[in-house]
Amino acid sequence: MEKTNQYLILASAHLSRNIFILREQLMQCAKQNGMNHPETIRQSQLLDKLIYEYQLVMLAQSKDGSFHD
């Protein structure tokens, strides 16, 4: 159970960092190419997936009793 807690904590930190980086890249892409550009849309969809994965990890942490932000 402790390994699961450690994995969830590391996964949430990793996802959080990647979400921050991708959000910055998305904003830059939208600024340069516009909101409807295919690359902007692709990055937005990738960001959506990462946020969803992060939410799943956070849910697992809360169920596991190891909720950390």
N, C-alpha and C. Protein backbone atom coordinates (compact mmCIF):
# COMPACT_ATOMS: atom_id res chain seq x y z
N MET A 1 0.82 -1.20 0.00
CA MET A 1 0.00 0.00 0.00
C MET A 1 0.87 1.26 0.00
N GLU A 2 1.99 1.21 0.70
CA GLU A 2 2.89 2.36 0.75
C GLU A 2 3.47 2.67 -0.63
N LYS A 3 3.78 1.63 -1.41
CA LYS A 3 4.30 1.86 -2.76
C LYS A 3 3.24 2.52 -3.64
N THR A 4 1.99 2.16 -3.44
CA THR A 4 0.91 2.79 -4.18
C THR A 4 0.83 4.26 -3.83
N ASN A 5 0.94 4.59 -2.56
CA ASN A 5 0.92 5.99 -2.13
C ASN A 5 2.06 6.77 -2.78
N GLN A 6 3.25 6.20 -2.75
CA GLN A 6 4.41 6.87 -3.33
C GLN A 6 4.23 7.07 -4.83
N TYR A 7 3.71 6.04 -5.49
CA TYR A 7 3.48 6.15 -6.93
C TYR A 7 2.48 7.27 -7.23
N LEU A 8 1.40 7.32 -6.48
CA LEU A 8 0.37 8.34 -6.72
C LEU A 8 0.90 9.74 -6.49
N ILE A 9 1.70 9.90 -5.45
CA ILE A 9 2.29 11.21 -5.16
C ILE A 9 3.23 11.63 -6.28
N LEU A 10 4.09 10.71 -6.72
CA LEU A 10 5.02 11.02 -7.81
C LEU A 10 4.27 11.29 -9.11
N ALA A 11 3.24 10.48 -9.38
CA ALA A 11 2.46 10.67 -10.60
C ALA A 11 1.78 12.03 -10.60
N SER A 12 1.21 12.43 -9.47
CA SER A 12 0.53 13.72 -9.43
C SER A 12 1.51 14.87 -9.60
N ALA A 13 2.70 14.76 -9.02
CA ALA A 13 3.70 15.81 -9.17
C ALA A 13 4.18 15.90 -10.62
N HIS A 14 4.39 14.75 -11.24
CA HIS A 14 4.84 14.70 -12.63
C HIS A 14 3.77 15.29 -13.55
N LEU A 15 2.54 14.88 -13.37
CA LEU A 15 1.45 15.39 -14.19
C LEU A 15 1.25 16.89 -13.99
N SER A 16 1.34 17.32 -12.76
CA SER A 16 1.16 18.74 -12.45
C SER A 16 2.22 19.58 -13.18
N ARG A 17 3.44 19.12 -13.15
CA ARG A 17 4.53 19.84 -13.83
C ARG A 17 4.28 19.86 -15.34
N ASN A 18 3.90 18.71 -15.90
CA ASN A 18 3.65 18.64 -17.34
C ASN A 18 2.45 19.49 -17.75
N ILE A 19 1.44 19.55 -16.92
CA ILE A 19 0.27 20.39 -17.20
C ILE A 19 0.69 21.86 -17.23
N PHE A 20 1.50 22.28 -16.28
CA PHE A 20 1.98 23.66 -16.25
C PHE A 20 2.75 23.99 -17.52
N ILE A 21 3.67 23.11 -17.91
CA ILE A 21 4.50 23.34 -19.10
C ILE A 21 3.64 23.39 -20.35
N LEU A 22 2.74 22.42 -20.49
CA LEU A 22 1.90 22.38 -21.69
C LEU A 22 0.95 23.56 -21.75
N ARG A 23 0.46 24.00 -20.61
CA ARG A 23 -0.42 25.18 -20.59
C ARG A 23 0.32 26.41 -21.11
N GLU A 24 1.56 26.57 -20.70
CA GLU A 24 2.37 27.69 -21.19
C GLU A 24 2.59 27.57 -22.70
N GLN A 25 2.89 26.37 -23.17
CA GLN A 25 3.11 26.15 -24.60
C GLN A 25 1.82 26.41 -25.39
N LEU A 26 0.71 25.99 -24.83
CA LEU A 26 -0.58 26.19 -25.50
C LEU A 26 -0.88 27.68 -25.63
N MET A 27 -0.66 28.42 -24.58
CA MET A 27 -0.93 29.86 -24.65
C MET A 27 -0.04 30.53 -25.70
N GLN A 28 1.21 30.12 -25.77
CA GLN A 28 2.13 30.68 -26.76
C GLN A 28 1.70 30.31 -28.18
N CYS A 29 1.30 29.06 -28.35
CA CYS A 29 0.84 28.60 -29.67
C CYS A 29 -0.40 29.36 -30.10
N ALA A 30 -1.35 29.53 -29.19
CA ALA A 30 -2.58 30.25 -29.52
C ALA A 30 -2.28 31.71 -29.87
N LYS A 31 -1.33 32.28 -29.17
CA LYS A 31 -0.95 33.67 -29.43
C LYS A 31 -0.32 33.81 -30.82
N GLN A 32 0.52 32.85 -31.19
CA GLN A 32 1.21 32.91 -32.48
C GLN A 32 0.34 32.46 -33.65
N ASN A 33 -0.47 31.42 -33.43
CA ASN A 33 -1.18 30.80 -34.54
C ASN A 33 -2.69 31.02 -34.55
N GLY A 34 -3.23 31.46 -33.42
CA GLY A 34 -4.67 31.62 -33.32
C GLY A 34 -5.32 30.41 -32.65
N MET A 35 -6.51 30.63 -32.14
CA MET A 35 -7.21 29.60 -31.37
C MET A 35 -7.66 28.42 -32.23
N ASN A 36 -7.92 28.63 -33.51
CA ASN A 36 -8.46 27.57 -34.36
C ASN A 36 -7.40 26.85 -35.19
N HIS A 37 -6.14 27.16 -34.97
CA HIS A 37 -5.06 26.50 -35.71
C HIS A 37 -4.97 25.03 -35.27
N PRO A 38 -4.72 24.12 -36.20
CA PRO A 38 -4.66 22.70 -35.85
C PRO A 38 -3.67 22.37 -34.73
N GLU A 39 -2.53 23.05 -34.69
CA GLU A 39 -1.55 22.78 -33.62
C GLU A 39 -2.08 23.25 -32.27
N THR A 40 -2.76 24.37 -32.25
CA THR A 40 -3.36 24.86 -31.00
C THR A 40 -4.40 23.87 -30.50
N ILE A 41 -5.21 23.38 -31.40
CA ILE A 41 -6.25 22.41 -31.03
C ILE A 41 -5.61 21.12 -30.54
N ARG A 42 -4.56 20.66 -31.21
CA ARG A 42 -3.87 19.44 -30.80
C ARG A 42 -3.30 19.58 -29.39
N GLN A 43 -2.65 20.72 -29.13
CA GLN A 43 -2.08 20.94 -27.80
C GLN A 43 -3.18 21.06 -26.74
N SER A 44 -4.29 21.67 -27.10
CA SER A 44 -5.40 21.79 -26.17
C SER A 44 -5.97 20.41 -25.81
N GLN A 45 -6.08 19.55 -26.80
CA GLN A 45 -6.58 18.20 -26.55
C GLN A 45 -5.61 17.40 -25.68
N LEU A 46 -4.33 17.58 -25.92
CA LEU A 46 -3.33 16.91 -25.09
C LEU A 46 -3.40 17.41 -23.65
N LEU A 47 -3.56 18.70 -23.49
CA LEU A 47 -3.70 19.27 -22.15
C LEU A 47 -4.94 18.71 -21.46
N ASP A 48 -6.04 18.60 -22.19
CA ASP A 48 -7.26 18.00 -21.63
C ASP A 48 -6.98 16.59 -21.11
N LYS A 49 -6.25 15.79 -21.88
CA LYS A 49 -5.93 14.42 -21.46
C LYS A 49 -5.09 14.41 -20.19
N LEU A 50 -4.10 15.29 -20.12
CA LEU A 50 -3.26 15.35 -18.94
C LEU A 50 -4.05 15.77 -17.70
N ILE A 51 -4.93 16.73 -17.87
CA ILE A 51 -5.77 17.18 -16.75
C ILE A 51 -6.68 16.04 -16.29
N TYR A 52 -7.22 15.29 -17.24
CA TYR A 52 -8.06 14.15 -16.89
C TYR A 52 -7.26 13.10 -16.11
N GLU A 53 -6.05 12.80 -16.59
CA GLU A 53 -5.19 11.84 -15.89
C GLU A 53 -4.87 12.33 -14.48
N TYR A 54 -4.60 13.62 -14.35
CA TYR A 54 -4.32 14.20 -13.04
C TYR A 54 -5.52 14.03 -12.11
N GLN A 55 -6.71 14.29 -12.63
CA GLN A 55 -7.92 14.14 -11.82
C GLN A 55 -8.10 12.69 -11.37
N LEU A 56 -7.78 11.73 -12.24
CA LEU A 56 -7.87 10.32 -11.86
C LEU A 56 -6.89 9.98 -10.75
N VAL A 57 -5.68 10.50 -10.85
CA VAL A 57 -4.67 10.26 -9.81
C VAL A 57 -5.11 10.88 -8.49
N MET A 58 -5.63 12.10 -8.56
CA MET A 58 -6.08 12.76 -7.33
C MET A 58 -7.25 12.01 -6.70
N LEU A 59 -8.13 11.47 -7.51
CA LEU A 59 -9.24 10.67 -7.01
C LEU A 59 -8.71 9.40 -6.34
N ALA A 60 -7.75 8.76 -6.97
CA ALA A 60 -7.16 7.56 -6.39
C ALA A 60 -6.47 7.87 -5.07
N GLN A 61 -5.81 9.02 -4.99
CA GLN A 61 -5.16 9.42 -3.74
C GLN A 61 -6.19 9.63 -2.64
N SER A 62 -7.29 10.28 -2.98
CA SER A 62 -8.30 10.55 -1.96
C SER A 62 -8.95 9.26 -1.49
N LYS A 63 -9.14 8.32 -2.39
CA LYS A 63 -9.72 7.02 -2.00
C LYS A 63 -8.73 6.21 -1.18
N ASP A 64 -7.45 6.41 -1.46
CA ASP A 64 -6.40 5.67 -0.78
C ASP A 64 -6.03 6.30 0.56
N GLY A 65 -6.59 7.46 0.82
CA GLY A 65 -6.29 8.16 2.07
C GLY A 65 -4.95 8.86 2.06
N SER A 66 -4.41 9.09 0.87
CA SER A 66 -3.09 9.71 0.78
C SER A 66 -3.16 11.00 -0.02
N PHE A 67 -4.21 11.76 0.17
CA PHE A 67 -4.40 12.99 -0.59
C PHE A 67 -3.34 14.02 -0.24
N HIS A 68 -2.59 14.42 -1.27
CA HIS A 68 -1.58 15.48 -1.15
C HIS A 68 -1.72 16.38 -2.35
N ASP A 69 -1.56 17.66 -2.16
CA ASP A 69 -1.68 18.60 -3.27
C ASP A 69 -0.32 19.11 -3.66
